[in-house]
Amino acid sequence: MLDEQKLQNNIRAAADSLLQGGVVAFPTETVYGLGADAANPQALRRVFEIKGRPVDHPLIVHLGDASLLDYWADGYR
């Protein structure tokens, strides 16, 4: 198990990677997920490449607040 300081350092490193257009892996209840900045086209391309996912198969975007829904869903109604 990670100590608190190491956990905070890992979170900071993951956040820095995301801000620089990187991709991070994170555990979920059943599998590991890949995360990237959904507003960064290069980061999204990298997720598709890593997963070997066809570009016509959409990705899930997690939003921090419901007020962001209109922005992200615009054009998909």
Protein backbone atom coordinates (compact mmCIF):
# COMPACT_ATOMS: atom_id res chain seq x y z
CA MET A 1 0.00 0.00 0.00
CA LEU A 2 1.25 3.49 -0.86
CA ASP A 3 1.97 5.96 1.87
CA GLU A 4 0.13 9.29 1.69
CA GLN A 5 3.11 11.28 0.37
CA LYS A 6 3.82 8.78 -2.41
CA LEU A 7 0.12 8.76 -3.35
CA GLN A 8 0.06 12.56 -3.58
CA ASN A 9 3.24 12.53 -5.69
CA ASN A 10 1.68 9.96 -8.06
CA ILE A 11 -1.50 12.03 -8.39
CA ARG A 12 0.57 15.14 -9.14
CA ALA A 13 2.61 13.25 -11.75
CA ALA A 14 -0.58 11.96 -13.42
CA ALA A 15 -2.10 15.45 -13.45
CA ASP A 16 1.08 16.91 -14.95
CA SER A 17 1.06 14.21 -17.63
CA LEU A 18 -2.57 14.98 -18.50
CA LEU A 19 -1.84 18.70 -18.71
CA GLN A 20 1.00 17.94 -21.15
CA GLY A 21 -1.24 15.80 -23.38
CA GLY A 22 -0.23 12.44 -21.94
CA VAL A 23 -2.31 9.37 -21.23
CA VAL A 24 -2.63 7.83 -17.77
CA ALA A 25 -3.91 4.47 -16.56
CA PHE A 26 -6.14 4.23 -13.50
CA PRO A 27 -7.92 1.38 -11.71
CA THR A 28 -11.71 1.07 -11.76
CA GLU A 29 -13.86 -1.47 -9.94
CA THR A 30 -13.28 -4.14 -12.58
CA VAL A 31 -10.55 -3.10 -15.05
CA TYR A 32 -7.97 -0.41 -15.66
CA GLY A 33 -9.04 2.66 -17.61
CA LEU A 34 -7.09 5.07 -19.75
CA GLY A 35 -7.48 8.77 -19.19
CA ALA A 36 -6.56 11.77 -21.31
CA ASP A 37 -7.63 15.39 -21.76
CA ALA A 38 -10.82 15.13 -23.80
CA ALA A 39 -10.18 18.63 -25.19
CA ASN A 40 -6.78 17.60 -26.60
CA PRO A 41 -7.11 15.89 -30.02
CA GLN A 42 -3.55 14.53 -29.91
CA ALA A 43 -4.15 12.96 -26.49
CA LEU A 44 -7.38 11.38 -27.74
CA ARG A 45 -5.60 9.99 -30.82
CA ARG A 46 -3.07 8.41 -28.48
CA VAL A 47 -5.85 6.70 -26.48
CA PHE A 48 -7.27 5.25 -29.70
CA GLU A 49 -3.79 4.07 -30.72
CA ILE A 50 -3.02 2.47 -27.35
CA LYS A 51 -6.36 0.67 -27.23
CA GLY A 52 -6.33 -0.27 -30.91
CA ARG A 53 -9.81 1.22 -30.97
CA PRO A 54 -11.45 2.20 -34.26
CA VAL A 55 -11.94 5.97 -34.42
CA ASP A 56 -15.65 5.54 -35.07
CA HIS A 57 -16.09 3.94 -31.61
CA PRO A 58 -16.70 6.83 -29.20
CA LEU A 59 -14.93 7.32 -25.90
CA ILE A 60 -16.55 8.19 -22.59
CA VAL A 61 -15.96 11.72 -21.28
CA HIS A 62 -16.31 12.15 -17.53
CA LEU A 63 -17.45 15.62 -16.50
CA GLY A 64 -16.74 17.26 -13.17
CA ASP A 65 -20.02 19.14 -13.15
CA ALA A 66 -23.40 18.86 -14.89
CA SER A 67 -23.06 22.47 -16.08
CA LEU A 68 -20.44 21.21 -18.60
CA LEU A 69 -22.91 18.89 -20.32
CA ASP A 70 -24.20 21.45 -22.83
CA TYR A 71 -20.67 22.32 -23.93
CA TRP A 72 -19.66 18.69 -24.52
CA ALA A 73 -22.97 17.55 -25.98
CA ASP A 74 -23.30 20.48 -28.39
CA GLY A 75 -23.75 19.16 -31.91
CA TYR A 76 -24.78 15.71 -30.74
CA ARG A 77 -28.48 16.38 -30.27
